[in-house]
Amino acid sequence: MQIAKVCGTVVSTQKEESLRGVKFLLVQFLDQDGQPLPDYEVAADSVGAGVDEWVLVSRGSAARQLPGGEARPIDALVIGIIDTVSVENRRLYSKRDQDR
């Protein structure tokens, strides 16, 4: 899993049949200091994440392990919305602080 920030949404009206009804997000991965890395990725969303939230992203074959997802051509899946991240006894991120 990797930590990423949701930067936007991706809308695709024409897509492979097994992806109908799947919400797509544009995510940017973060480094250990919470700083954005240069790469972006499109990830399917299984938890209802929104723009500016920090999320957990599963990639590769692990992204297809949810029931019914085995046959979907998905490389990245948002599997959690992060509440807090702490590194070496300091809070790096708090969703509560972002919501204010």
N, C-alpha and C. Protein backbone atom coordinates (compact mmCIF):
# COMPACT_ATOMS: atom_id res chain seq x y z
N MET A 1 0.84 -1.18 0.00
CA MET A 1 0.00 0.00 0.00
C MET A 1 0.88 1.24 0.00
N GLN A 2 0.32 2.30 -0.54
CA GLN A 2 1.00 3.58 -0.56
C GLN A 2 0.03 4.67 -0.13
N ILE A 3 0.60 5.75 0.40
CA ILE A 3 -0.20 6.91 0.77
C ILE A 3 -0.24 7.87 -0.41
N ALA A 4 -1.44 8.38 -0.69
CA ALA A 4 -1.61 9.32 -1.78
C ALA A 4 -2.63 10.37 -1.38
N LYS A 5 -2.63 11.47 -2.11
CA LYS A 5 -3.63 12.52 -1.92
C LYS A 5 -4.51 12.55 -3.16
N VAL A 6 -5.81 12.63 -2.95
CA VAL A 6 -6.75 12.70 -4.07
C VAL A 6 -6.70 14.11 -4.64
N CYS A 7 -6.36 14.21 -5.92
CA CYS A 7 -6.22 15.49 -6.61
C CYS A 7 -7.42 15.83 -7.48
N GLY A 8 -8.19 14.83 -7.86
CA GLY A 8 -9.32 15.09 -8.73
C GLY A 8 -10.05 13.81 -9.09
N THR A 9 -10.97 13.95 -10.00
CA THR A 9 -11.76 12.82 -10.46
C THR A 9 -11.51 12.61 -11.95
N VAL A 10 -11.77 11.40 -12.40
CA VAL A 10 -11.65 11.05 -13.81
C VAL A 10 -12.99 10.48 -14.24
N VAL A 11 -13.59 11.08 -15.26
CA VAL A 11 -14.88 10.62 -15.76
C VAL A 11 -14.68 9.97 -17.12
N SER A 12 -15.22 8.77 -17.26
CA SER A 12 -15.12 8.04 -18.51
C SER A 12 -16.48 7.40 -18.79
N THR A 13 -17.20 7.94 -19.76
CA THR A 13 -18.52 7.40 -20.06
C THR A 13 -18.44 6.13 -20.89
N GLN A 14 -17.37 5.98 -21.68
CA GLN A 14 -17.16 4.78 -22.47
C GLN A 14 -16.02 4.01 -21.83
N LYS A 15 -16.33 2.82 -21.31
CA LYS A 15 -15.29 2.02 -20.67
C LYS A 15 -15.64 0.55 -20.74
N GLU A 16 -14.69 -0.27 -20.40
CA GLU A 16 -14.87 -1.71 -20.41
C GLU A 16 -16.06 -2.06 -19.51
N GLU A 17 -16.85 -3.01 -19.94
CA GLU A 17 -18.11 -3.36 -19.28
C GLU A 17 -17.96 -3.62 -17.77
N SER A 18 -16.91 -4.31 -17.36
CA SER A 18 -16.75 -4.64 -15.94
C SER A 18 -16.45 -3.42 -15.07
N LEU A 19 -16.17 -2.28 -15.71
CA LEU A 19 -15.86 -1.05 -14.96
C LEU A 19 -17.05 -0.11 -14.85
N ARG A 20 -18.18 -0.52 -15.37
CA ARG A 20 -19.38 0.33 -15.25
C ARG A 20 -19.74 0.50 -13.79
N GLY A 21 -20.01 1.74 -13.40
CA GLY A 21 -20.36 2.03 -12.01
C GLY A 21 -19.17 2.26 -11.10
N VAL A 22 -17.95 2.12 -11.63
CA VAL A 22 -16.74 2.32 -10.83
C VAL A 22 -16.34 3.79 -10.91
N LYS A 23 -16.10 4.41 -9.74
CA LYS A 23 -15.64 5.80 -9.66
C LYS A 23 -14.12 5.81 -9.75
N PHE A 24 -13.58 6.73 -10.52
CA PHE A 24 -12.14 6.86 -10.68
C PHE A 24 -11.65 8.17 -10.10
N LEU A 25 -10.50 8.11 -9.43
CA LEU A 25 -9.89 9.29 -8.83
C LEU A 25 -8.48 9.48 -9.39
N LEU A 26 -8.06 10.72 -9.49
CA LEU A 26 -6.68 11.04 -9.83
C LEU A 26 -5.95 11.23 -8.50
N VAL A 27 -4.94 10.40 -8.24
CA VAL A 27 -4.21 10.47 -6.98
C VAL A 27 -2.75 10.79 -7.24
N GLN A 28 -2.14 11.48 -6.27
CA GLN A 28 -0.71 11.78 -6.33
C GLN A 28 -0.07 11.16 -5.09
N PHE A 29 0.92 10.33 -5.31
CA PHE A 29 1.59 9.65 -4.20
C PHE A 29 2.43 10.64 -3.40
N LEU A 30 2.61 10.33 -2.10
CA LEU A 30 3.32 11.21 -1.18
C LEU A 30 4.56 10.51 -0.64
N ASP A 31 5.60 11.29 -0.32
CA ASP A 31 6.80 10.70 0.27
C ASP A 31 6.65 10.62 1.79
N GLN A 32 7.71 10.19 2.50
CA GLN A 32 7.64 9.98 3.93
C GLN A 32 7.46 11.27 4.72
N ASP A 33 7.64 12.42 4.08
CA ASP A 33 7.42 13.71 4.73
C ASP A 33 6.07 14.32 4.35
N GLY A 34 5.28 13.56 3.59
CA GLY A 34 3.98 14.06 3.16
C GLY A 34 4.04 14.98 1.96
N GLN A 35 5.19 15.03 1.31
CA GLN A 35 5.35 15.88 0.14
C GLN A 35 4.97 15.10 -1.12
N PRO A 36 4.32 15.77 -2.07
CA PRO A 36 3.90 15.07 -3.28
C PRO A 36 5.07 14.62 -4.14
N LEU A 37 4.95 13.40 -4.63
CA LEU A 37 5.90 12.87 -5.61
C LEU A 37 5.43 13.29 -7.00
N PRO A 38 6.30 13.25 -8.01
CA PRO A 38 5.90 13.77 -9.32
C PRO A 38 4.85 12.93 -10.06
N ASP A 39 4.66 11.68 -9.66
CA ASP A 39 3.77 10.80 -10.41
C ASP A 39 2.31 10.88 -9.96
N TYR A 40 1.43 10.82 -10.92
CA TYR A 40 0.00 10.73 -10.69
C TYR A 40 -0.47 9.36 -11.18
N GLU A 41 -1.59 8.91 -10.66
CA GLU A 41 -2.16 7.65 -11.13
C GLU A 41 -3.67 7.73 -11.02
N VAL A 42 -4.34 7.03 -11.90
CA VAL A 42 -5.79 6.89 -11.81
C VAL A 42 -6.05 5.64 -10.99
N ALA A 43 -6.91 5.78 -9.97
CA ALA A 43 -7.23 4.66 -9.10
C ALA A 43 -8.75 4.53 -8.99
N ALA A 44 -9.22 3.30 -9.01
CA ALA A 44 -10.63 3.05 -8.74
C ALA A 44 -10.87 3.34 -7.26
N ASP A 45 -12.07 3.75 -6.91
CA ASP A 45 -12.38 4.12 -5.53
C ASP A 45 -13.41 3.16 -4.95
N SER A 46 -13.05 2.48 -3.87
CA SER A 46 -13.99 1.55 -3.25
C SER A 46 -14.54 2.07 -1.92
N VAL A 47 -14.12 3.29 -1.51
CA VAL A 47 -14.50 3.78 -0.19
C VAL A 47 -15.17 5.15 -0.19
N GLY A 48 -15.35 5.78 -1.33
CA GLY A 48 -16.02 7.07 -1.39
C GLY A 48 -15.14 8.24 -1.00
N ALA A 49 -13.87 8.19 -1.36
CA ALA A 49 -12.93 9.26 -1.04
C ALA A 49 -13.22 10.50 -1.87
N GLY A 50 -12.78 11.65 -1.35
CA GLY A 50 -13.00 12.91 -2.04
C GLY A 50 -11.70 13.67 -2.26
N VAL A 51 -11.79 14.73 -3.03
CA VAL A 51 -10.65 15.57 -3.37
C VAL A 51 -10.03 16.13 -2.09
N ASP A 52 -8.71 16.15 -2.05
CA ASP A 52 -7.86 16.63 -0.95
C ASP A 52 -7.73 15.66 0.21
N GLU A 53 -8.42 14.54 0.20
CA GLU A 53 -8.25 13.55 1.27
C GLU A 53 -6.99 12.73 1.01
N TRP A 54 -6.35 12.31 2.10
CA TRP A 54 -5.25 11.36 2.02
C TRP A 54 -5.85 9.97 2.08
N VAL A 55 -5.34 9.09 1.24
CA VAL A 55 -5.92 7.75 1.12
C VAL A 55 -4.84 6.69 1.07
N LEU A 56 -5.25 5.44 1.31
CA LEU A 56 -4.40 4.28 1.13
C LEU A 56 -4.72 3.69 -0.24
N VAL A 57 -3.69 3.43 -1.02
CA VAL A 57 -3.86 2.90 -2.37
C VAL A 57 -3.16 1.54 -2.45
N SER A 58 -3.89 0.55 -2.90
CA SER A 58 -3.34 -0.77 -3.17
C SER A 58 -3.09 -0.85 -4.67
N ARG A 59 -1.95 -1.41 -5.04
CA ARG A 59 -1.58 -1.44 -6.46
C ARG A 59 -1.31 -2.87 -6.92
N GLY A 60 -1.37 -3.05 -8.23
CA GLY A 60 -1.06 -4.34 -8.83
C GLY A 60 -2.15 -5.36 -8.59
N SER A 61 -1.77 -6.62 -8.50
CA SER A 61 -2.76 -7.70 -8.35
C SER A 61 -3.54 -7.57 -7.04
N ALA A 62 -2.96 -6.95 -6.01
CA ALA A 62 -3.67 -6.76 -4.75
C ALA A 62 -4.89 -5.87 -4.92
N ALA A 63 -4.88 -5.01 -5.93
CA ALA A 63 -6.02 -4.12 -6.18
C ALA A 63 -7.24 -4.87 -6.69
N ARG A 64 -7.05 -6.11 -7.11
CA ARG A 64 -8.16 -6.90 -7.65
C ARG A 64 -8.64 -7.97 -6.67
N GLN A 65 -8.26 -7.90 -5.42
CA GLN A 65 -8.58 -8.95 -4.46
C GLN A 65 -9.96 -8.81 -3.81
N LEU A 66 -10.65 -7.71 -4.04
CA LEU A 66 -12.00 -7.56 -3.49
C LEU A 66 -12.96 -8.48 -4.22
N PRO A 67 -13.96 -9.00 -3.53
CA PRO A 67 -14.94 -9.87 -4.20
C PRO A 67 -15.55 -9.17 -5.41
N GLY A 68 -15.53 -9.85 -6.53
CA GLY A 68 -16.06 -9.30 -7.77
C GLY A 68 -15.04 -8.50 -8.56
N GLY A 69 -13.89 -8.23 -7.97
CA GLY A 69 -12.89 -7.42 -8.65
C GLY A 69 -11.86 -8.22 -9.41
N GLU A 70 -11.90 -9.54 -9.28
CA GLU A 70 -10.87 -10.38 -9.89
C GLU A 70 -10.78 -10.22 -11.40
N ALA A 71 -11.90 -9.95 -12.04
CA ALA A 71 -11.92 -9.86 -13.50
C ALA A 71 -11.83 -8.43 -14.02
N ARG A 72 -11.72 -7.46 -13.11
CA ARG A 72 -11.64 -6.06 -13.54
C ARG A 72 -10.20 -5.67 -13.87
N PRO A 73 -10.00 -4.92 -14.95
CA PRO A 73 -8.65 -4.49 -15.31
C PRO A 73 -8.23 -3.25 -14.51
N ILE A 74 -8.01 -3.44 -13.21
CA ILE A 74 -7.66 -2.34 -12.32
C ILE A 74 -6.23 -2.54 -11.82
N ASP A 75 -5.41 -1.48 -11.89
CA ASP A 75 -4.04 -1.52 -11.39
C ASP A 75 -3.90 -0.83 -10.04
N ALA A 76 -4.84 0.06 -9.69
CA ALA A 76 -4.76 0.79 -8.43
C ALA A 76 -6.17 0.95 -7.87
N LEU A 77 -6.28 0.79 -6.53
CA LEU A 77 -7.58 0.86 -5.87
C LEU A 77 -7.44 1.62 -4.56
N VAL A 78 -8.26 2.64 -4.35
CA VAL A 78 -8.31 3.33 -3.07
C VAL A 78 -9.06 2.43 -2.11
N ILE A 79 -8.38 2.01 -1.04
CA ILE A 79 -8.96 1.05 -0.11
C ILE A 79 -9.21 1.62 1.28
N GLY A 80 -8.79 2.86 1.52
CA GLY A 80 -9.00 3.47 2.82
C GLY A 80 -8.82 4.97 2.77
N ILE A 81 -9.57 5.67 3.63
CA ILE A 81 -9.41 7.11 3.82
C ILE A 81 -8.66 7.29 5.13
N ILE A 82 -7.56 8.01 5.08
CA ILE A 82 -6.67 8.14 6.24
C ILE A 82 -7.21 9.19 7.21
N ASP A 83 -7.18 8.84 8.49
CA ASP A 83 -7.55 9.79 9.55
C ASP A 83 -6.32 10.54 10.06
N THR A 84 -5.25 9.81 10.37
CA THR A 84 -4.01 10.44 10.84
C THR A 84 -2.80 9.65 10.35
N VAL A 85 -1.68 10.36 10.21
CA VAL A 85 -0.39 9.74 9.93
C VAL A 85 0.61 10.38 10.89
N SER A 86 1.33 9.53 11.63
CA SER A 86 2.36 10.01 12.54
C SER A 86 3.68 9.35 12.17
N VAL A 87 4.76 10.14 12.20
CA VAL A 87 6.09 9.65 11.89
C VAL A 87 7.03 10.16 12.99
N GLU A 88 7.74 9.23 13.63
CA GLU A 88 8.71 9.57 14.66
C GLU A 88 8.12 10.55 15.68
N ASN A 89 6.97 10.19 16.22
CA ASN A 89 6.29 10.94 17.28
C ASN A 89 5.84 12.34 16.87
N ARG A 90 5.71 12.59 15.59
CA ARG A 90 5.12 13.87 15.16
C ARG A 90 4.00 13.58 14.18
N ARG A 91 2.95 14.35 14.30
CA ARG A 91 1.81 14.16 13.42
C ARG A 91 2.10 14.79 12.07
N LEU A 92 2.06 13.96 11.05
CA LEU A 92 2.31 14.40 9.69
C LEU A 92 1.03 14.88 9.03
N TYR A 93 -0.08 14.24 9.38
CA TYR A 93 -1.37 14.56 8.75
C TYR A 93 -2.49 14.20 9.71
N SER A 94 -3.49 15.04 9.74
CA SER A 94 -4.72 14.77 10.47
C SER A 94 -5.90 15.25 9.63
N LYS A 95 -6.79 14.34 9.33
CA LYS A 95 -7.97 14.70 8.54
C LYS A 95 -8.78 15.76 9.28
N ARG A 96 -8.86 15.63 10.58
CA ARG A 96 -9.63 16.59 11.39
C ARG A 96 -9.09 18.02 11.19
N ASP A 97 -7.76 18.16 11.15
CA ASP A 97 -7.17 19.49 10.95
C ASP A 97 -7.46 20.02 9.56
N GLN A 98 -7.58 19.15 8.56
CA GLN A 98 -7.86 19.55 7.19
C GLN A 98 -9.30 20.00 7.01
N ASP A 99 -10.21 19.46 7.83
CA ASP A 99 -11.63 19.76 7.69
C ASP A 99 -12.01 21.12 8.26
N ARG A 100 -11.10 21.75 8.96
CA ARG A 100 -11.43 23.05 9.59
C ARG A 100 -11.34 24.18 8.63
